[in-house]
Amino acid sequence: MEQKEYKHITIYETAGRHRSRTFEISSNDDGTLLGNIYYLNTWRQYVFEPALGYPTIWSEDCLRDLGDFLLFLKEERAKRLKEIKEAEMNGAPVKGGDENDISLG
């Protein structure tokens, strides 16, 4: 399982209920689950869904970290889709699965 740690939050990959990769966000302070990130097909982008029943307060830097991670996922997905399209055009087999196969690096 991969994870990315920021100053106040940690984002880690989970086995989710969605076809695409899913992530959970927890507080570095006490480990509380703050919400989930997953690809929403109808919006064609990764989204953050707050945890049910747990109101949270977010500072500017926490929101920026979340936004940066969403942007990272967007860019990695676009890169992977481009690789798949180029491979298909060249008749080459696609390595590593599908468009959801990205790394947190």
PDB file of N, CA and C in Angstrom:
ATOM      1  N   MET A   1       0.849  -1.173   0.000  1.00  0.00           N
ATOM      2  CA  MET A   1       0.000   0.000   0.000  1.00  0.00           C
ATOM      3  C   MET A   1       0.901   1.245   0.000  1.00  0.00           C
ATOM      4  N   GLU A   2       0.591   2.175  -0.860  1.00  0.00           N
ATOM      5  CA  GLU A   2       1.380   3.395  -0.960  1.00  0.00           C
ATOM      6  C   GLU A   2       0.754   4.499  -0.118  1.00  0.00           C
ATOM      7  N   GLN A   3       1.600   5.447   0.321  1.00  0.00           N
ATOM      8  CA  GLN A   3       1.069   6.588   1.057  1.00  0.00           C
ATOM      9  C   GLN A   3       1.919   7.818   0.800  1.00  0.00           C
ATOM     10  N   LYS A   4       1.301   8.974   1.010  1.00  0.00           N
ATOM     11  CA  LYS A   4       1.979  10.256   0.875  1.00  0.00           C
ATOM     12  C   LYS A   4       1.667  11.049   2.133  1.00  0.00           C
ATOM     13  N   GLU A   5       2.711  11.479   2.817  1.00  0.00           N
ATOM     14  CA  GLU A   5       2.523  12.194   4.080  1.00  0.00           C
ATOM     15  C   GLU A   5       2.803  13.685   3.889  1.00  0.00           C
ATOM     16  N   TYR A   6       1.888  14.491   4.414  1.00  0.00           N
ATOM     17  CA  TYR A   6       2.020  15.943   4.422  1.00  0.00           C
ATOM     18  C   TYR A   6       2.159  16.398   5.871  1.00  0.00           C
ATOM     19  N   LYS A   7       2.188  17.695   6.092  1.00  0.00           N
ATOM     20  CA  LYS A   7       2.378  18.229   7.439  1.00  0.00           C
ATOM     21  C   LYS A   7       1.276  17.790   8.404  1.00  0.00           C
ATOM     22  N   HIS A   8       0.021  17.894   7.968  1.00  0.00           N
ATOM     23  CA  HIS A   8      -1.104  17.608   8.859  1.00  0.00           C
ATOM     24  C   HIS A   8      -1.927  16.386   8.478  1.00  0.00           C
ATOM     25  N   ILE A   9      -1.765  15.916   7.244  1.00  0.00           N
ATOM     26  CA  ILE A   9      -2.561  14.776   6.771  1.00  0.00           C
ATOM     27  C   ILE A   9      -1.673  13.735   6.101  1.00  0.00           C
ATOM     28  N   THR A  10      -2.170  12.495   6.084  1.00  0.00           N
ATOM     29  CA  THR A  10      -1.534  11.422   5.342  1.00  0.00           C
ATOM     30  C   THR A  10      -2.574  10.816   4.420  1.00  0.00           C
ATOM     31  N   ILE A  11      -2.176  10.597   3.169  1.00  0.00           N
ATOM     32  CA  ILE A  11      -3.054  10.007   2.172  1.00  0.00           C
ATOM     33  C   ILE A  11      -2.479   8.643   1.819  1.00  0.00           C
ATOM     34  N   TYR A  12      -3.309   7.605   1.915  1.00  0.00           N
ATOM     35  CA  TYR A  12      -2.818   6.272   1.621  1.00  0.00           C
ATOM     36  C   TYR A  12      -3.820   5.508   0.774  1.00  0.00           C
ATOM     37  N   GLU A  13      -3.272   4.656  -0.079  1.00  0.00           N
ATOM     38  CA  GLU A  13      -4.096   3.884  -0.986  1.00  0.00           C
ATOM     39  C   GLU A  13      -4.805   2.760  -0.236  1.00  0.00           C
ATOM     40  N   THR A  14      -6.040   2.500  -0.628  1.00  0.00           N
ATOM     41  CA  THR A  14      -6.838   1.450   0.004  1.00  0.00           C
ATOM     42  C   THR A  14      -7.507   0.608  -1.072  1.00  0.00           C
ATOM     43  N   ALA A  15      -8.032  -0.521  -0.675  1.00  0.00           N
ATOM     44  CA  ALA A  15      -8.875  -1.321  -1.563  1.00  0.00           C
ATOM     45  C   ALA A  15     -10.274  -0.761  -1.413  1.00  0.00           C
ATOM     46  N   GLY A  16     -10.737  -0.053  -2.409  1.00  0.00           N
ATOM     47  CA  GLY A  16     -12.018   0.639  -2.291  1.00  0.00           C
ATOM     48  C   GLY A  16     -13.141  -0.027  -3.044  1.00  0.00           C
ATOM     49  N   ARG A  17     -14.257   0.637  -3.017  1.00  0.00           N
ATOM     50  CA  ARG A  17     -15.460   0.111  -3.660  1.00  0.00           C
ATOM     51  C   ARG A  17     -15.563   0.547  -5.111  1.00  0.00           C
ATOM     52  N   HIS A  18     -14.576   1.310  -5.588  1.00  0.00           N
ATOM     53  CA  HIS A  18     -14.601   1.837  -6.944  1.00  0.00           C
ATOM     54  C   HIS A  18     -13.638   1.069  -7.837  1.00  0.00           C
ATOM     55  N   ARG A  19     -13.877   1.108  -9.139  1.00  0.00           N
ATOM     56  CA  ARG A  19     -13.001   0.439 -10.103  1.00  0.00           C
ATOM     57  C   ARG A  19     -11.620   1.075 -10.111  1.00  0.00           C
ATOM     58  N   SER A  20     -11.563   2.372  -9.982  1.00  0.00           N
ATOM     59  CA  SER A  20     -10.281   3.076  -9.982  1.00  0.00           C
ATOM     60  C   SER A  20      -9.626   2.988  -8.607  1.00  0.00           C
ATOM     61  N   ARG A  21      -8.423   3.471  -8.537  1.00  0.00           N
ATOM     62  CA  ARG A  21      -7.702   3.474  -7.267  1.00  0.00           C
ATOM     63  C   ARG A  21      -8.420   4.380  -6.274  1.00  0.00           C
ATOM     64  N   THR A  22      -8.411   3.988  -5.023  1.00  0.00           N
ATOM     65  CA  THR A  22      -9.039   4.793  -3.978  1.00  0.00           C
ATOM     66  C   THR A  22      -8.018   5.068  -2.881  1.00  0.00           C
ATOM     67  N   PHE A  23      -8.235   6.177  -2.180  1.00  0.00           N
ATOM     68  CA  PHE A  23      -7.322   6.617  -1.138  1.00  0.00           C
ATOM     69  C   PHE A  23      -8.123   7.089   0.056  1.00  0.00           C
ATOM     70  N   GLU A  24      -7.535   6.964   1.235  1.00  0.00           N
ATOM     71  CA  GLU A  24      -8.117   7.520   2.453  1.00  0.00           C
ATOM     72  C   GLU A  24      -7.189   8.604   2.972  1.00  0.00           C
ATOM     73  N   ILE A  25      -7.781   9.607   3.604  1.00  0.00           N
ATOM     74  CA  ILE A  25      -7.022  10.695   4.203  1.00  0.00           C
ATOM     75  C   ILE A  25      -7.236  10.634   5.704  1.00  0.00           C
ATOM     76  N   SER A  26      -6.137  10.666   6.444  1.00  0.00           N
ATOM     77  CA  SER A  26      -6.251  10.659   7.899  1.00  0.00           C
ATOM     78  C   SER A  26      -5.465  11.828   8.481  1.00  0.00           C
ATOM     79  N   SER A  27      -5.860  12.220   9.680  1.00  0.00           N
ATOM     80  CA  SER A  27      -5.192  13.283  10.408  1.00  0.00           C
ATOM     81  C   SER A  27      -3.886  12.757  10.987  1.00  0.00           C
ATOM     82  N   ASN A  28      -2.816  13.513  10.829  1.00  0.00           N
ATOM     83  CA  ASN A  28      -1.542  13.124  11.440  1.00  0.00           C
ATOM     84  C   ASN A  28      -1.581  13.327  12.955  1.00  0.00           C
ATOM     85  N   ASP A  29      -2.501  14.169  13.414  1.00  0.00           N
ATOM     86  CA  ASP A  29      -2.607  14.452  14.845  1.00  0.00           C
ATOM     87  C   ASP A  29      -3.089  13.241  15.644  1.00  0.00           C
ATOM     88  N   ASP A  30      -4.220  12.653  15.199  1.00  0.00           N
ATOM     89  CA  ASP A  30      -4.788  11.545  15.973  1.00  0.00           C
ATOM     90  C   ASP A  30      -5.193  10.342  15.125  1.00  0.00           C
ATOM     91  N   GLY A  31      -4.891  10.373  13.814  1.00  0.00           N
ATOM     92  CA  GLY A  31      -5.204   9.245  12.942  1.00  0.00           C
ATOM     93  C   GLY A  31      -6.641   9.152  12.500  1.00  0.00           C
ATOM     94  N   THR A  32      -7.458  10.141  12.829  1.00  0.00           N
ATOM     95  CA  THR A  32      -8.867  10.129  12.456  1.00  0.00           C
ATOM     96  C   THR A  32      -9.026  10.113  10.945  1.00  0.00           C
ATOM     97  N   LEU A  33      -9.920   9.252  10.447  1.00  0.00           N
ATOM     98  CA  LEU A  33     -10.248   9.222   9.031  1.00  0.00           C
ATOM     99  C   LEU A  33     -11.014  10.494   8.677  1.00  0.00           C
ATOM    100  N   LEU A  34     -10.490  11.245   7.714  1.00  0.00           N
ATOM    101  CA  LEU A  34     -11.120  12.500   7.304  1.00  0.00           C
ATOM    102  C   LEU A  34     -11.968  12.354   6.052  1.00  0.00           C
ATOM    103  N   GLY A  35     -11.642  11.373   5.215  1.00  0.00           N
ATOM    104  CA  GLY A  35     -12.413  11.183   3.996  1.00  0.00           C
ATOM    105  C   GLY A  35     -11.705  10.277   3.010  1.00  0.00           C
ATOM    106  N   ASN A  36     -12.283  10.206   1.809  1.00  0.00           N
ATOM    107  CA  ASN A  36     -11.786   9.329   0.749  1.00  0.00           C
ATOM    108  C   ASN A  36     -11.590  10.107  -0.548  1.00  0.00           C
ATOM    109  N   ILE A  37     -10.680   9.613  -1.358  1.00  0.00           N
ATOM    110  CA  ILE A  37     -10.462  10.143  -2.702  1.00  0.00           C
ATOM    111  C   ILE A  37     -10.682   8.988  -3.670  1.00  0.00           C
ATOM    112  N   TYR A  38     -11.445   9.242  -4.724  1.00  0.00           N
ATOM    113  CA  TYR A  38     -11.675   8.234  -5.755  1.00  0.00           C
ATOM    114  C   TYR A  38     -12.025   8.935  -7.055  1.00  0.00           C
ATOM    115  N   TYR A  39     -11.962   8.174  -8.159  1.00  0.00           N
ATOM    116  CA  TYR A  39     -12.292   8.725  -9.469  1.00  0.00           C
ATOM    117  C   TYR A  39     -13.796   8.644  -9.667  1.00  0.00           C
ATOM    118  N   LEU A  40     -14.399   9.788  -9.943  1.00  0.00           N
ATOM    119  CA  LEU A  40     -15.842   9.859 -10.173  1.00  0.00           C
ATOM    120  C   LEU A  40     -16.069   9.965 -11.677  1.00  0.00           C
ATOM    121  N   ASN A  41     -16.551   8.891 -12.279  1.00  0.00           N
ATOM    122  CA  ASN A  41     -16.708   8.846 -13.733  1.00  0.00           C
ATOM    123  C   ASN A  41     -17.584   9.964 -14.277  1.00  0.00           C
ATOM    124  N   THR A  42     -18.670  10.278 -13.581  1.00  0.00           N
ATOM    125  CA  THR A  42     -19.577  11.306 -14.099  1.00  0.00           C
ATOM    126  C   THR A  42     -18.934  12.688 -14.142  1.00  0.00           C
ATOM    127  N   TRP A  43     -17.960  12.945 -13.277  1.00  0.00           N
ATOM    128  CA  TRP A  43     -17.246  14.226 -13.280  1.00  0.00           C
ATOM    129  C   TRP A  43     -15.924  14.134 -14.041  1.00  0.00           C
ATOM    130  N   ARG A  44     -15.513  12.892 -14.356  1.00  0.00           N
ATOM    131  CA  ARG A  44     -14.258  12.625 -15.059  1.00  0.00           C
ATOM    132  C   ARG A  44     -13.044  13.213 -14.346  1.00  0.00           C
ATOM    133  N   GLN A  45     -13.023  13.010 -13.039  1.00  0.00           N
ATOM    134  CA  GLN A  45     -11.892  13.484 -12.245  1.00  0.00           C
ATOM    135  C   GLN A  45     -11.907  12.820 -10.870  1.00  0.00           C
ATOM    136  N   TYR A  46     -10.748  12.867 -10.208  1.00  0.00           N
ATOM    137  CA  TYR A  46     -10.673  12.396  -8.832  1.00  0.00           C
ATOM    138  C   TYR A  46     -11.345  13.424  -7.926  1.00  0.00           C
ATOM    139  N   VAL A  47     -12.051  12.936  -6.913  1.00  0.00           N
ATOM    140  CA  VAL A  47     -12.780  13.805  -5.990  1.00  0.00           C
ATOM    141  C   VAL A  47     -12.498  13.388  -4.551  1.00  0.00           C
ATOM    142  N   PHE A  48     -12.728  14.304  -3.637  1.00  0.00           N
ATOM    143  CA  PHE A  48     -12.623  14.049  -2.208  1.00  0.00           C
ATOM    144  C   PHE A  48     -14.024  13.983  -1.634  1.00  0.00           C
ATOM    145  N   GLU A  49     -14.291  12.938  -0.848  1.00  0.00           N
ATOM    146  CA  GLU A  49     -15.572  12.787  -0.167  1.00  0.00           C
ATOM    147  C   GLU A  49     -15.302  12.737   1.334  1.00  0.00           C
ATOM    148  N   PRO A  50     -15.799  13.721   2.094  1.00  0.00           N
ATOM    149  CA  PRO A  50     -15.557  13.727   3.550  1.00  0.00           C
ATOM    150  C   PRO A  50     -16.149  12.488   4.217  1.00  0.00           C
ATOM    151  N   ALA A  51     -15.537  12.080   5.307  1.00  0.00           N
ATOM    152  CA  ALA A  51     -16.042  10.950   6.078  1.00  0.00           C
ATOM    153  C   ALA A  51     -17.408  11.298   6.662  1.00  0.00           C
ATOM    154  N   LEU A  52     -18.316  10.352   6.638  1.00  0.00           N
ATOM    155  CA  LEU A  52     -19.661  10.587   7.159  1.00  0.00           C
ATOM    156  C   LEU A  52     -19.649  10.720   8.676  1.00  0.00           C
ATOM    157  N   GLY A  53     -20.433  11.659   9.163  1.00  0.00           N
ATOM    158  CA  GLY A  53     -20.617  11.796  10.596  1.00  0.00           C
ATOM    159  C   GLY A  53     -19.460  12.426  11.352  1.00  0.00           C
ATOM    160  N   TYR A  54     -18.493  12.943  10.627  1.00  0.00           N
ATOM    161  CA  TYR A  54     -17.357  13.552  11.315  1.00  0.00           C
ATOM    162  C   TYR A  54     -17.058  14.911  10.701  1.00  0.00           C
ATOM    163  N   PRO A  55     -17.587  15.990  11.281  1.00  0.00           N
ATOM    164  CA  PRO A  55     -17.317  17.322  10.728  1.00  0.00           C
ATOM    165  C   PRO A  55     -15.839  17.673  10.892  1.00  0.00           C
ATOM    166  N   THR A  56     -15.274  18.280   9.875  1.00  0.00           N
ATOM    167  CA  THR A  56     -13.856  18.644   9.925  1.00  0.00           C
ATOM    168  C   THR A  56     -13.671  20.122   9.630  1.00  0.00           C
ATOM    169  N   ILE A  57     -12.579  20.649  10.103  1.00  0.00           N
ATOM    170  CA  ILE A  57     -12.188  22.028   9.818  1.00  0.00           C
ATOM    171  C   ILE A  57     -10.852  21.945   9.092  1.00  0.00           C
ATOM    172  N   TRP A  58     -10.748  22.616   7.964  1.00  0.00           N
ATOM    173  CA  TRP A  58      -9.557  22.537   7.123  1.00  0.00           C
ATOM    174  C   TRP A  58      -8.897  23.904   7.034  1.00  0.00           C
ATOM    175  N   SER A  59      -7.594  23.929   7.230  1.00  0.00           N
ATOM    176  CA  SER A  59      -6.825  25.168   7.052  1.00  0.00           C
ATOM    177  C   SER A  59      -6.390  25.276   5.590  1.00  0.00           C
ATOM    178  N   GLU A  60      -5.876  26.433   5.241  1.00  0.00           N
ATOM    179  CA  GLU A  60      -5.427  26.675   3.870  1.00  0.00           C
ATOM    180  C   GLU A  60      -4.361  25.667   3.438  1.00  0.00           C
ATOM    181  N   ASP A  61      -3.396  25.386   4.305  1.00  0.00           N
ATOM    182  CA  ASP A  61      -2.328  24.466   3.906  1.00  0.00           C
ATOM    183  C   ASP A  61      -2.830  23.036   3.754  1.00  0.00           C
ATOM    184  N   CYS A  62      -3.797  22.616   4.569  1.00  0.00           N
ATOM    185  CA  CYS A  62      -4.374  21.281   4.405  1.00  0.00           C
ATOM    186  C   CYS A  62      -5.143  21.178   3.088  1.00  0.00           C
ATOM    187  N   LEU A  63      -5.910  22.209   2.776  1.00  0.00           N
ATOM    188  CA  LEU A  63      -6.653  22.222   1.516  1.00  0.00           C
ATOM    189  C   LEU A  63      -5.694  22.238   0.328  1.00  0.00           C
ATOM    190  N   ARG A  64      -4.601  22.964   0.470  1.00  0.00           N
ATOM    191  CA  ARG A  64      -3.600  23.013  -0.600  1.00  0.00           C
ATOM    192  C   ARG A  64      -2.974  21.631  -0.806  1.00  0.00           C
ATOM    193  N   ASP A  65      -2.654  20.948   0.293  1.00  0.00           N
ATOM    194  CA  ASP A  65      -2.098  19.602   0.181  1.00  0.00           C
ATOM    195  C   ASP A  65      -3.076  18.657  -0.518  1.00  0.00           C
ATOM    196  N   LEU A  66      -4.337  18.722  -0.133  1.00  0.00           N
ATOM    197  CA  LEU A  66      -5.361  17.904  -0.774  1.00  0.00           C
ATOM    198  C   LEU A  66      -5.461  18.249  -2.252  1.00  0.00           C
ATOM    199  N   GLY A  67      -5.507  19.534  -2.574  1.00  0.00           N
ATOM    200  CA  GLY A  67      -5.573  19.977  -3.965  1.00  0.00           C
ATOM    201  C   GLY A  67      -4.364  19.543  -4.769  1.00  0.00           C
ATOM    202  N   ASP A  68      -3.186  19.624  -4.166  1.00  0.00           N
ATOM    203  CA  ASP A  68      -1.962  19.177  -4.839  1.00  0.00           C
ATOM    204  C   ASP A  68      -2.028  17.688  -5.153  1.00  0.00           C
ATOM    205  N   PHE A  69      -2.553  16.903  -4.220  1.00  0.00           N
ATOM    206  CA  PHE A  69      -2.654  15.469  -4.448  1.00  0.00           C
ATOM    207  C   PHE A  69      -3.661  15.156  -5.552  1.00  0.00           C
ATOM    208  N   LEU A  70      -4.797  15.857  -5.556  1.00  0.00           N
ATOM    209  CA  LEU A  70      -5.781  15.665  -6.615  1.00  0.00           C
ATOM    210  C   LEU A  70      -5.190  16.034  -7.973  1.00  0.00           C
ATOM    211  N   LEU A  71      -4.409  17.116  -8.019  1.00  0.00           N
ATOM    212  CA  LEU A  71      -3.747  17.521  -9.259  1.00  0.00           C
ATOM    213  C   LEU A  71      -2.741  16.457  -9.696  1.00  0.00           C
ATOM    214  N   PHE A  72      -1.986  15.907  -8.760  1.00  0.00           N
ATOM    215  CA  PHE A  72      -1.042  14.834  -9.063  1.00  0.00           C
ATOM    216  C   PHE A  72      -1.773  13.648  -9.699  1.00  0.00           C
ATOM    217  N   LEU A  73      -2.887  13.230  -9.113  1.00  0.00           N
ATOM    218  CA  LEU A  73      -3.655  12.112  -9.660  1.00  0.00           C
ATOM    219  C   LEU A  73      -4.154  12.433 -11.064  1.00  0.00           C
ATOM    220  N   LYS A  74      -4.619  13.646 -11.264  1.00  0.00           N
ATOM    221  CA  LYS A  74      -5.114  14.070 -12.573  1.00  0.00           C
ATOM    222  C   LYS A  74      -4.007  13.992 -13.620  1.00  0.00           C
ATOM    223  N   GLU A  75      -2.834  14.502 -13.282  1.00  0.00           N
ATOM    224  CA  GLU A  75      -1.717  14.509 -14.226  1.00  0.00           C
ATOM    225  C   GLU A  75      -1.226  13.091 -14.513  1.00  0.00           C
ATOM    226  N   GLU A  76      -1.149  12.250 -13.490  1.00  0.00           N
ATOM    227  CA  GLU A  76      -0.713  10.870 -13.688  1.00  0.00           C
ATOM    228  C   GLU A  76      -1.712  10.098 -14.540  1.00  0.00           C
ATOM    229  N   ARG A  77      -2.995  10.333 -14.323  1.00  0.00           N
ATOM    230  CA  ARG A  77      -4.018   9.660 -15.122  1.00  0.00           C
ATOM    231  C   ARG A  77      -3.924  10.098 -16.577  1.00  0.00           C
ATOM    232  N   ALA A  78      -3.754  11.392 -16.821  1.00  0.00           N
ATOM    233  CA  ALA A  78      -3.625  11.901 -18.188  1.00  0.00           C
ATOM    234  C   ALA A  78      -2.395  11.310 -18.871  1.00  0.00           C
ATOM    235  N   LYS A  79      -1.301  11.218 -18.141  1.00  0.00           N
ATOM    236  CA  LYS A  79      -0.061  10.634 -18.671  1.00  0.00           C
ATOM    237  C   LYS A  79      -0.283   9.169 -19.045  1.00  0.00           C
ATOM    238  N   ARG A  80      -0.940   8.424 -18.153  1.00  0.00           N
ATOM    239  CA  ARG A  80      -1.196   7.004 -18.399  1.00  0.00           C
ATOM    240  C   ARG A  80      -2.141   6.813 -19.581  1.00  0.00           C
ATOM    241  N   LEU A  81      -3.166   7.648 -19.692  1.00  0.00           N
ATOM    242  CA  LEU A  81      -4.089   7.550 -20.829  1.00  0.00           C
ATOM    243  C   LEU A  81      -3.366   7.823 -22.139  1.00  0.00           C
ATOM    244  N   LYS A  82      -2.450   8.780 -22.119  1.00  0.00           N
ATOM    245  CA  LYS A  82      -1.663   9.103 -23.312  1.00  0.00           C
ATOM    246  C   LYS A  82      -0.779   7.923 -23.703  1.00  0.00           C
ATOM    247  N   GLU A  83      -0.140   7.286 -22.723  1.00  0.00           N
ATOM    248  CA  GLU A  83       0.694   6.111 -22.980  1.00  0.00           C
ATOM    249  C   GLU A  83      -0.134   4.978 -23.583  1.00  0.00           C
ATOM    250  N   ILE A  84      -1.314   4.760 -23.044  1.00  0.00           N
ATOM    251  CA  ILE A  84      -2.191   3.701 -23.549  1.00  0.00           C
ATOM    252  C   ILE A  84      -2.598   3.996 -24.984  1.00  0.00           C
ATOM    253  N   LYS A  85      -2.987   5.235 -25.254  1.00  0.00           N
ATOM    254  CA  LYS A  85      -3.417   5.620 -26.601  1.00  0.00           C
ATOM    255  C   LYS A  85      -2.282   5.446 -27.602  1.00  0.00           C
ATOM    256  N   GLU A  86      -1.074   5.881 -27.234  1.00  0.00           N
ATOM    257  CA  GLU A  86       0.076   5.750 -28.132  1.00  0.00           C
ATOM    258  C   GLU A  86       0.413   4.285 -28.375  1.00  0.00           C
ATOM    259  N   ALA A  87       0.348   3.471 -27.340  1.00  0.00           N
ATOM    260  CA  ALA A  87       0.638   2.048 -27.492  1.00  0.00           C
ATOM    261  C   ALA A  87      -0.387   1.377 -28.399  1.00  0.00           C
ATOM    262  N   GLU A  88      -1.640   1.732 -28.228  1.00  0.00           N
ATOM    263  CA  GLU A  88      -2.692   1.156 -29.064  1.00  0.00           C
ATOM    264  C   GLU A  88      -2.528   1.567 -30.515  1.00  0.00           C
ATOM    265  N   MET A  89      -2.132   2.823 -30.753  1.00  0.00           N
ATOM    266  CA  MET A  89      -1.926   3.307 -32.118  1.00  0.00           C
ATOM    267  C   MET A  89      -0.759   2.584 -32.788  1.00  0.00           C
ATOM    268  N   ASN A  90       0.231   2.205 -31.999  1.00  0.00           N
ATOM    269  CA  ASN A  90       1.404   1.511 -32.520  1.00  0.00           C
ATOM    270  C   ASN A  90       1.241  -0.003 -32.511  1.00  0.00           C
ATOM    271  N   GLY A  91       0.114  -0.486 -32.018  1.00  0.00           N
ATOM    272  CA  GLY A  91      -0.142  -1.910 -31.977  1.00  0.00           C
ATOM    273  C   GLY A  91       0.667  -2.647 -30.926  1.00  0.00           C
ATOM    274  N   ALA A  92       1.235  -1.906 -29.986  1.00  0.00           N
ATOM    275  CA  ALA A  92       2.054  -2.521 -28.951  1.00  0.00           C
ATOM    276  C   ALA A  92       1.191  -2.897 -27.747  1.00  0.00           C
ATOM    277  N   PRO A  93       1.599  -3.940 -27.021  1.00  0.00           N
ATOM    278  CA  PRO A  93       0.871  -4.279 -25.788  1.00  0.00           C
ATOM    279  C   PRO A  93       1.082  -3.188 -24.741  1.00  0.00           C
ATOM    280  N   VAL A  94       0.063  -2.971 -23.929  1.00  0.00           N
ATOM    281  CA  VAL A  94       0.126  -1.941 -22.893  1.00  0.00           C
ATOM    282  C   VAL A  94       0.663  -2.565 -21.618  1.00  0.00           C
ATOM    283  N   LYS A  95       1.746  -1.980 -21.075  1.00  0.00           N
ATOM    284  CA  LYS A  95       2.350  -2.491 -19.840  1.00  0.00           C
ATOM    285  C   LYS A  95       1.605  -1.977 -18.619  1.00  0.00           C
ATOM    286  N   GLY A  96       1.524  -2.802 -17.601  1.00  0.00           N
ATOM    287  CA  GLY A  96       1.089  -2.337 -16.292  1.00  0.00           C
ATOM    288  C   GLY A  96      -0.388  -2.169 -16.066  1.00  0.00           C
ATOM    289  N   GLY A  97      -1.235  -2.728 -16.893  1.00  0.00           N
ATOM    290  CA  GLY A  97      -2.657  -2.671 -16.566  1.00  0.00           C
ATOM    291  C   GLY A  97      -3.406  -1.596 -17.315  1.00  0.00           C
ATOM    292  N   ASP A  98      -4.220  -0.836 -16.594  1.00  0.00           N
ATOM    293  CA  ASP A  98      -5.096   0.130 -17.246  1.00  0.00           C
ATOM    294  C   ASP A  98      -4.747   1.556 -16.842  1.00  0.00           C
ATOM    295  N   GLU A  99      -5.635   2.485 -17.193  1.00  0.00           N
ATOM    296  CA  GLU A  99      -5.377   3.904 -16.934  1.00  0.00           C
ATOM    297  C   GLU A  99      -5.316   4.256 -15.466  1.00  0.00           C
ATOM    298  N   ASN A 100      -5.759   3.363 -14.609  1.00  0.00           N
ATOM    299  CA  ASN A 100      -5.738   3.629 -13.171  1.00  0.00           C
ATOM    300  C   ASN A 100      -4.440   3.173 -12.506  1.00  0.00           C
ATOM    301  N   ASP A 101      -3.536   2.643 -13.289  1.00  0.00           N
ATOM    302  CA  ASP A 101      -2.283   2.100 -12.773  1.00  0.00           C
ATOM    303  C   ASP A 101      -1.238   3.228 -12.672  1.00  0.00           C
ATOM    304  N   ILE A 102      -1.205   3.906 -11.534  1.00  0.00           N
ATOM    305  CA  ILE A 102      -0.257   4.995 -11.321  1.00  0.00           C
ATOM    306  C   ILE A 102       0.480   4.754 -10.011  1.00  0.00           C
ATOM    307  N   SER A 103       1.574   5.462  -9.854  1.00  0.00           N
ATOM    308  CA  SER A 103       2.379   5.303  -8.643  1.00  0.00           C
ATOM    309  C   SER A 103       2.482   6.624  -7.901  1.00  0.00           C
ATOM    310  N   LEU A 104       2.501   6.581  -6.588  1.00  0.00           N
ATOM    311  CA  LEU A 104       2.641   7.808  -5.795  1.00  0.00           C
ATOM    312  C   LEU A 104       4.062   8.322  -5.784  1.00  0.00           C
ATOM    313  N   GLY A 105       4.994   7.510  -6.256  1.00  0.00           N
ATOM    314  CA  GLY A 105       6.398   7.886  -6.417  1.00  0.00           C
ATOM    315  C   GLY A 105       6.987   8.640  -5.329  1.00  0.00           C
TER     316      GLY A 105
END
